[in-house]
Protein backbone atom coordinates (compact mmCIF):
# COMPACT_ATOMS: atom_id res chain seq x y z
CA UNK A 1 -12.72 -13.91 239.76
CA UNK A 2 -15.81 -14.57 241.24
CA UNK A 3 -17.34 -18.22 239.81
CA UNK A 4 -16.66 -19.93 236.57
CA UNK A 5 -19.99 -21.14 234.45
CA UNK A 6 -19.38 -25.05 233.33
CA UNK A 7 -21.34 -27.03 230.59
CA UNK A 8 -23.45 -28.28 232.95
CA UNK A 9 -24.37 -24.37 233.64
CA UNK A 10 -24.82 -23.92 230.36
CA UNK A 11 -26.87 -26.72 229.60
CA UNK A 12 -29.60 -25.80 232.17
CA UNK A 13 -32.67 -25.49 230.32
CA UNK A 14 -34.50 -23.25 233.72
CA UNK A 15 -34.04 -19.94 234.20
CA UNK A 16 -31.92 -18.93 236.73
CA UNK A 17 -28.92 -15.86 237.20
CA UNK A 18 -25.86 -16.30 236.32
CA UNK A 19 -24.92 -16.00 239.62
CA UNK A 20 -27.03 -19.31 240.63
CA UNK A 21 -25.68 -21.07 237.68
CA UNK A 22 -21.72 -20.49 238.11
CA UNK A 23 -19.48 -22.47 240.35
CA UNK A 24 -17.99 -20.06 242.81
CA UNK A 25 -14.45 -20.45 243.74
CA UNK A 26 -13.05 -22.14 240.95
CA UNK A 27 -9.15 -23.35 241.26
CA UNK A 28 -6.99 -20.93 239.98
CA UNK A 29 -3.44 -20.27 239.25
CA UNK A 30 -0.81 -17.43 239.05
CA UNK A 31 0.63 -16.66 236.07
CA UNK A 32 4.53 -18.03 237.20
CA UNK A 33 3.02 -21.81 238.69
CA UNK A 34 4.70 -23.73 236.71
CA UNK A 35 3.22 -25.32 233.48
CA UNK A 36 3.77 -28.85 233.86
CA UNK A 37 2.48 -28.49 238.00
CA UNK A 38 -0.82 -26.74 236.10
CA UNK A 39 -1.06 -30.06 233.59
CA UNK A 40 -0.79 -32.38 237.01
CA UNK A 41 -2.96 -30.31 238.37
CA UNK A 42 -5.28 -30.08 235.54
CA UNK A 43 -4.99 -33.77 235.35
CA UNK A 44 -5.85 -34.47 238.96
CA UNK A 45 -8.84 -32.32 239.46
CA UNK A 46 -10.77 -33.29 235.87
CA UNK A 47 -10.25 -29.98 233.99
CA UNK A 48 -9.64 -29.08 230.16
CA UNK A 49 -9.15 -25.77 231.41
CA UNK A 50 -7.62 -23.02 233.97
CA UNK A 51 -8.01 -19.42 234.58
CA UNK A 52 -4.94 -17.66 235.27
CA UNK A 53 -5.81 -14.63 237.70
CA UNK A 54 -3.38 -12.08 239.47
CA UNK A 55 -3.41 -12.14 243.60
CA UNK A 56 -6.44 -9.72 244.11
CA UNK A 57 -8.49 -12.46 241.42
CA UNK A 58 -8.31 -10.19 238.41
CA UNK A 59 -8.19 -12.83 235.10
CA UNK A 60 -5.61 -12.60 232.88
CA UNK A 61 -6.50 -15.63 230.47
CA UNK A 62 -7.48 -19.89 230.98
CA UNK A 63 -4.72 -22.23 230.04
CA UNK A 64 -5.89 -25.01 228.04
CA UNK A 65 -5.16 -28.31 228.62
CA UNK A 66 -4.12 -29.97 225.64
CA UNK A 67 -2.11 -26.56 224.51
CA UNK A 68 -0.50 -27.01 228.01
CA UNK A 69 0.66 -30.91 227.41
CA UNK A 70 1.82 -30.05 223.53
CA UNK A 71 3.71 -27.00 224.91
CA UNK A 72 5.90 -29.49 227.02
CA UNK A 73 5.93 -32.25 225.06
CA UNK A 74 8.04 -29.79 222.15
CA UNK A 75 10.21 -27.99 225.03
CA UNK A 76 13.42 -29.70 225.25
CA UNK A 77 14.54 -31.51 228.10
CA UNK A 78 16.14 -29.70 231.62
CA UNK A 79 20.31 -29.70 231.50
């Protein structure tokens, strides 16, 4: 994953390439990253989504903060 297009980039009215508009090197996590830590990181970095990638940067999907928070709230407490 080389970059990410945020809301500000998508709202631009000038004629620029995707490369010029994207944020390079966005924050990502691996699939094994603990969900509670991912949610904490999303709050700290003011992110609504967090890309999930392989170690070589291949995008696997996006973790949605609201969905992750709901999953944590519904999961049973550890014994």
